[in-house]
N, C-alpha and C. Protein backbone atom coordinates (compact mmCIF):
# COMPACT_ATOMS: atom_id res chain seq x y z
N MET A 1 0.78 -1.16 -0.12
CA MET A 1 -0.14 0.27 0.29
C MET A 1 0.80 1.22 -0.57
N VAL A 2 1.76 1.32 0.73
CA VAL A 2 2.96 2.33 0.76
C VAL A 2 3.79 2.68 -0.44
N LEU A 3 3.62 1.61 -1.70
CA LEU A 3 5.18 1.77 -2.59
C LEU A 3 3.78 2.24 -3.98
N PRO A 4 2.79 2.20 -4.31
CA PRO A 4 1.91 3.12 -4.96
C PRO A 4 1.57 3.98 -4.72
N LEU A 5 1.80 4.80 -3.37
CA LEU A 5 1.77 6.16 -3.35
C LEU A 5 3.11 6.59 -3.11
N LEU A 6 3.69 6.35 -2.93
CA LEU A 6 5.38 6.57 -2.90
C LEU A 6 5.67 6.70 -4.59
N LEU A 7 5.38 5.77 -5.39
CA LEU A 7 5.33 6.20 -6.64
C LEU A 7 4.57 7.55 -7.43
N LEU A 8 3.50 7.93 -6.93
CA LEU A 8 2.90 9.09 -7.10
C LEU A 8 3.23 10.32 -6.61
N ALA A 9 4.38 9.98 -5.67
CA ALA A 9 5.15 11.36 -5.29
C ALA A 9 6.51 11.68 -6.27
N LEU A 10 6.86 10.68 -6.48
CA LEU A 10 7.97 10.59 -7.82
C LEU A 10 8.06 11.44 -9.16
N PRO A 11 8.02 12.37 -9.60
CA PRO A 11 8.03 13.10 -10.85
C PRO A 11 8.15 11.88 -11.86
N SER A 12 7.37 12.36 -13.30
CA SER A 12 7.68 11.86 -14.28
C SER A 12 8.60 12.06 -15.11
N PHE A 13 9.99 11.19 -15.13
CA PHE A 13 10.91 11.94 -16.58
C PHE A 13 10.54 11.35 -17.63
N GLY A 14 9.95 12.30 -18.46
CA GLY A 14 9.56 12.28 -20.10
C GLY A 14 11.05 11.99 -21.03
N SER A 15 10.57 11.71 -22.12
CA SER A 15 11.62 11.72 -23.10
C SER A 15 12.26 12.94 -23.26
N GLY A 16 11.96 14.31 -22.72
CA GLY A 16 12.45 15.44 -22.48
C GLY A 16 13.39 15.93 -22.06
N VAL A 17 13.32 14.94 -20.82
CA VAL A 17 13.79 15.49 -19.60
C VAL A 17 15.43 14.58 -19.96
N VAL A 18 15.14 13.29 -20.44
CA VAL A 18 16.59 12.75 -20.63
C VAL A 18 17.44 13.01 -21.71
N SER A 19 16.02 13.43 -22.80
CA SER A 19 17.32 14.29 -23.63
C SER A 19 18.40 15.30 -23.59
N GLU A 20 17.69 15.90 -22.70
CA GLU A 20 18.28 17.42 -22.24
C GLU A 20 19.50 16.66 -21.38
N VAL A 21 19.29 15.94 -20.46
CA VAL A 21 20.34 15.57 -19.62
C VAL A 21 21.35 14.92 -20.86
N ILE A 22 21.28 14.20 -21.79
CA ILE A 22 22.21 13.96 -22.77
C ILE A 22 23.16 15.03 -23.55
N VAL A 23 22.40 15.67 -24.15
CA VAL A 23 22.64 17.16 -25.05
C VAL A 23 23.71 17.74 -23.58
N ILE A 24 23.14 17.69 -22.03
CA ILE A 24 24.02 18.57 -21.68
C ILE A 24 25.26 17.85 -21.33
N GLY A 25 25.26 15.90 -20.69
CA GLY A 25 26.41 15.48 -21.14
C GLY A 25 27.51 15.58 -22.29
N LEU A 26 26.83 15.34 -23.28
CA LEU A 26 27.62 16.41 -24.63
C LEU A 26 28.14 17.13 -24.77
N ILE A 27 27.47 18.11 -24.56
CA ILE A 27 28.15 19.34 -24.24
C ILE A 27 29.65 19.39 -23.28
N ALA A 28 29.41 18.95 -22.43
CA ALA A 28 30.22 18.17 -20.81
C ALA A 28 31.74 18.05 -21.85
N LEU A 29 30.73 16.99 -22.35
CA LEU A 29 32.05 16.06 -23.02
C LEU A 29 32.82 16.77 -24.13
N VAL A 30 32.15 17.75 -25.05
CA VAL A 30 32.93 18.26 -25.84
C VAL A 30 34.20 19.52 -25.59
N LEU A 31 33.41 19.88 -24.45
CA LEU A 31 34.26 21.44 -23.50
C LEU A 31 35.19 21.01 -22.86
N PHE A 32 35.01 19.82 -21.98
CA PHE A 32 36.43 19.30 -21.92
C PHE A 32 37.49 18.67 -22.79
N ILE A 33 37.16 17.94 -23.82
CA ILE A 33 38.19 18.07 -25.20
C ILE A 33 38.29 19.31 -25.18
N VAL A 34 37.70 20.06 -25.58
CA VAL A 34 38.41 21.56 -26.04
C VAL A 34 39.33 22.03 -25.20
N MET A 35 38.86 22.27 -24.08
CA MET A 35 39.88 22.20 -23.00
C MET A 35 41.08 21.72 -22.86
N LYS A 36 41.36 20.39 -23.14
CA LYS A 36 42.52 19.53 -22.81
C LYS A 36 43.51 19.87 -24.10
N VAL A 37 42.45 19.99 -25.72
CA VAL A 37 43.61 20.18 -26.75
C VAL A 37 44.00 21.64 -26.13
N ALA A 38 43.20 22.68 -25.99
CA ALA A 38 43.37 24.32 -25.89
C ALA A 38 44.95 24.01 -24.97
N ARG A 39 44.99 23.18 -23.83
CA ARG A 39 46.15 23.27 -22.69
C ARG A 39 47.55 22.91 -23.67
N LEU A 40 47.08 21.74 -23.60
CA LEU A 40 48.37 20.93 -25.02
C LEU A 40 48.74 22.07 -25.41
N PHE A 41 48.07 22.92 -26.29
CA PHE A 41 48.60 24.04 -27.67
C PHE A 41 49.10 24.72 -27.01
N LEU A 42 48.77 25.22 -25.61
CA LEU A 42 49.50 27.02 -25.58
C LEU A 42 50.65 25.57 -24.55
N ARG A 43 50.26 24.78 -24.02
CA ARG A 43 51.99 24.58 -23.46
C ARG A 43 52.67 24.74 -24.71
N LEU A 44 52.59 23.97 -26.09
CA LEU A 44 53.66 24.02 -27.08
C LEU A 44 54.01 25.29 -27.05
N VAL A 45 53.04 25.81 -27.35
CA VAL A 45 53.80 27.18 -28.05
C VAL A 45 54.53 27.59 -27.21
N PHE A 46 53.85 27.84 -25.72
CA PHE A 46 54.83 28.55 -24.55
C PHE A 46 55.85 28.11 -24.47
N GLY A 47 56.68 26.95 -24.80
CA GLY A 47 57.45 26.40 -24.66
C GLY A 47 58.58 26.30 -26.22
N ILE A 48 57.68 26.50 -27.17
CA ILE A 48 58.53 27.06 -28.21
C ILE A 48 58.98 28.56 -28.12
N ILE A 49 58.19 29.92 -27.61
CA ILE A 49 58.55 30.91 -27.65
C ILE A 49 59.94 30.92 -26.59
N MET A 50 59.42 30.29 -25.35
CA MET A 50 60.53 30.47 -24.31
C MET A 50 61.50 29.98 -25.21
N ASN A 51 61.75 28.94 -25.85
CA ASN A 51 63.04 28.23 -26.07
C ASN A 51 63.86 29.19 -27.27
N SER A 52 62.73 30.54 -28.00
CA SER A 52 63.30 31.02 -28.55
C SER A 52 63.91 32.87 -28.20
N ILE A 53 63.22 32.91 -26.98
CA ILE A 53 63.72 34.40 -26.07
C ILE A 53 64.93 33.60 -25.70
N LEU A 54 65.18 32.73 -25.29
CA LEU A 54 66.57 32.09 -24.41
C LEU A 54 67.06 32.10 -25.26
N GLY A 55 66.99 31.57 -26.62
CA GLY A 55 68.12 31.47 -27.25
C GLY A 55 68.71 33.04 -28.01
N VAL A 56 67.98 33.85 -27.57
CA VAL A 56 68.38 35.09 -28.70
C VAL A 56 69.29 35.55 -27.15
N MET A 57 68.48 35.17 -25.83
CA MET A 57 69.04 36.08 -24.96
C MET A 57 70.78 35.71 -24.64
N LEU A 58 70.62 34.02 -25.31
CA LEU A 58 71.95 33.85 -24.75
C LEU A 58 72.68 33.83 -25.81
N LEU A 59 72.32 33.73 -27.12
CA LEU A 59 73.47 34.52 -28.11
C LEU A 59 73.89 36.31 -27.77
N PHE A 60 73.08 37.04 -27.04
CA PHE A 60 73.53 38.76 -26.26
C PHE A 60 74.51 38.21 -25.33
N ILE A 61 74.23 37.29 -24.88
CA ILE A 61 75.31 36.98 -23.41
C ILE A 61 76.80 36.35 -23.93
N LEU A 62 76.51 35.45 -24.99
CA LEU A 62 77.86 35.17 -25.38
C LEU A 62 78.76 36.09 -25.90
N ASN A 63 77.60 37.45 -26.54
CA ASN A 63 78.13 37.91 -27.50
C ASN A 63 79.10 38.92 -26.40
N TYR A 64 78.57 39.39 -25.54
CA TYR A 64 79.01 40.09 -24.58
C TYR A 64 79.79 39.95 -23.37
N LEU A 65 80.15 38.86 -23.55
CA LEU A 65 80.83 37.75 -22.64
C LEU A 65 82.04 37.55 -23.25
N PHE A 66 82.13 37.11 -24.14
CA PHE A 66 82.81 36.61 -25.13
C PHE A 66 83.41 37.40 -26.47
N GLY A 67 82.73 38.05 -26.25
CA GLY A 67 82.75 38.74 -27.56
C GLY A 67 82.76 38.35 -29.50
N LEU A 68 82.35 37.01 -29.80
CA LEU A 68 82.09 36.40 -30.68
C LEU A 68 81.98 37.27 -31.83
N GLY A 69 81.28 37.98 -32.08
CA GLY A 69 81.64 39.45 -33.31
C GLY A 69 79.72 39.05 -34.03
N VAL A 70 79.37 37.86 -33.72
CA VAL A 70 78.02 36.83 -34.39
C VAL A 70 77.21 38.39 -34.42
N VAL A 71 76.71 39.18 -35.91
CA VAL A 71 75.61 39.96 -35.44
C VAL A 71 74.51 39.30 -35.68
N LEU A 72 73.58 40.12 -35.15
CA LEU A 72 71.44 39.72 -34.97
C LEU A 72 71.25 40.14 -36.25
N THR A 73 71.45 39.35 -37.84
CA THR A 73 70.90 39.52 -38.91
C THR A 73 69.49 38.70 -38.94
N TRP A 74 68.91 38.85 -40.27
CA TRP A 74 68.07 38.14 -40.01
C TRP A 74 68.22 36.61 -40.43
N ALA A 75 69.28 36.42 -41.34
CA ALA A 75 70.01 35.17 -40.99
C ALA A 75 70.40 34.22 -40.24
N VAL A 76 70.56 35.20 -39.06
CA VAL A 76 70.99 34.60 -37.73
C VAL A 76 69.66 34.34 -36.52
N PHE A 77 69.04 35.36 -37.07
CA PHE A 77 67.86 35.13 -35.94
C PHE A 77 66.24 34.65 -35.97
N ILE A 78 66.31 34.45 -37.65
CA ILE A 78 65.20 33.25 -38.31
C ILE A 78 65.26 31.97 -37.40
N PRO A 79 66.77 31.33 -37.80
CA PRO A 79 66.65 30.20 -37.13
C PRO A 79 66.81 29.79 -35.68
N ILE A 80 67.48 31.07 -35.23
CA ILE A 80 66.96 31.09 -33.67
C ILE A 80 65.72 31.65 -33.08
N ALA A 81 64.71 32.02 -33.71
CA ALA A 81 63.60 32.06 -33.79
C ALA A 81 62.70 30.76 -34.24
N ILE A 82 62.86 30.22 -34.69
CA ILE A 82 62.48 29.01 -34.80
C ILE A 82 62.91 27.82 -33.75
N PHE A 83 64.12 27.83 -34.05
CA PHE A 83 64.57 26.38 -33.54
C PHE A 83 65.24 26.93 -31.88
N GLY A 84 65.26 27.93 -31.50
CA GLY A 84 65.63 28.41 -30.28
C GLY A 84 67.07 27.97 -30.09
N LEU A 85 67.54 27.46 -28.88
CA LEU A 85 69.02 26.94 -28.27
C LEU A 85 69.65 26.45 -29.27
N PRO A 86 69.15 25.14 -29.35
CA PRO A 86 70.21 24.41 -30.42
C PRO A 86 70.42 25.35 -31.58
N ALA A 87 69.38 26.20 -32.46
CA ALA A 87 70.22 26.89 -33.64
C ALA A 87 71.20 28.15 -32.71
N THR A 88 70.94 28.21 -31.40
CA THR A 88 72.45 29.33 -31.31
C THR A 88 73.63 28.61 -30.63
N GLY A 89 73.11 27.82 -30.24
CA GLY A 89 74.82 26.31 -30.20
C GLY A 89 75.41 26.03 -31.66
N THR A 90 74.44 25.72 -32.62
CA THR A 90 74.68 26.04 -34.08
C THR A 90 75.79 27.17 -34.82
N ILE A 91 75.13 28.24 -34.35
CA ILE A 91 75.68 29.76 -34.60
C ILE A 91 77.09 29.89 -33.64
N VAL A 92 76.82 29.80 -32.92
CA VAL A 92 78.15 29.97 -31.93
C VAL A 92 79.15 28.60 -32.49
N LEU A 93 78.59 27.75 -32.47
CA LEU A 93 79.84 26.69 -32.96
C LEU A 93 80.72 27.10 -34.35
N LEU A 94 79.42 27.33 -35.03
CA LEU A 94 80.13 27.81 -36.57
C LEU A 94 80.72 29.02 -36.50
N LYS A 95 80.98 29.71 -35.57
CA LYS A 95 81.71 31.09 -35.39
C LYS A 95 83.30 30.93 -34.68
N VAL A 96 82.74 30.17 -33.89
CA VAL A 96 83.98 29.63 -33.40
C VAL A 96 84.92 28.41 -34.56
N LEU A 97 84.00 27.91 -35.07
CA LEU A 97 85.08 27.51 -35.90
C LEU A 97 85.87 27.77 -37.17
N GLY A 98 85.42 29.25 -37.17
CA GLY A 98 85.62 29.85 -38.38
C GLY A 98 84.78 30.33 -39.40
N ALA A 99 83.19 29.78 -39.57
CA ALA A 99 82.30 30.05 -40.82
C ALA A 99 82.12 31.66 -40.50
N ALA A 100 82.04 32.18 -41.80
CA ALA A 100 81.61 33.36 -41.44
C ALA A 100 79.77 33.16 -41.71
N VAL A 101 79.57 33.89 -39.76
CA VAL A 101 78.08 34.11 -40.11
C VAL A 101 77.97 35.20 -39.50
């Protein structure tokens, strides 16, 4: 006797409510995936930018401390901006070995 009264007190969930819950769940899932991809992308871009800045700073420091004489032209700046510290090391190594940089 108590069970039918309890069932009357529960709201009826129609197909509209279920479909709304599914849509909200899908939106939450898509937002979660978009945020994960955006975070990964920003970490990658931030790493590349920091590597480039450190490469240019290292070139200036090495020029100042050791007087290498590497002039910051576009031919030097573009590889450092793209590859960062490895390009700086390569340019310094080329300069030390006597190449015209």
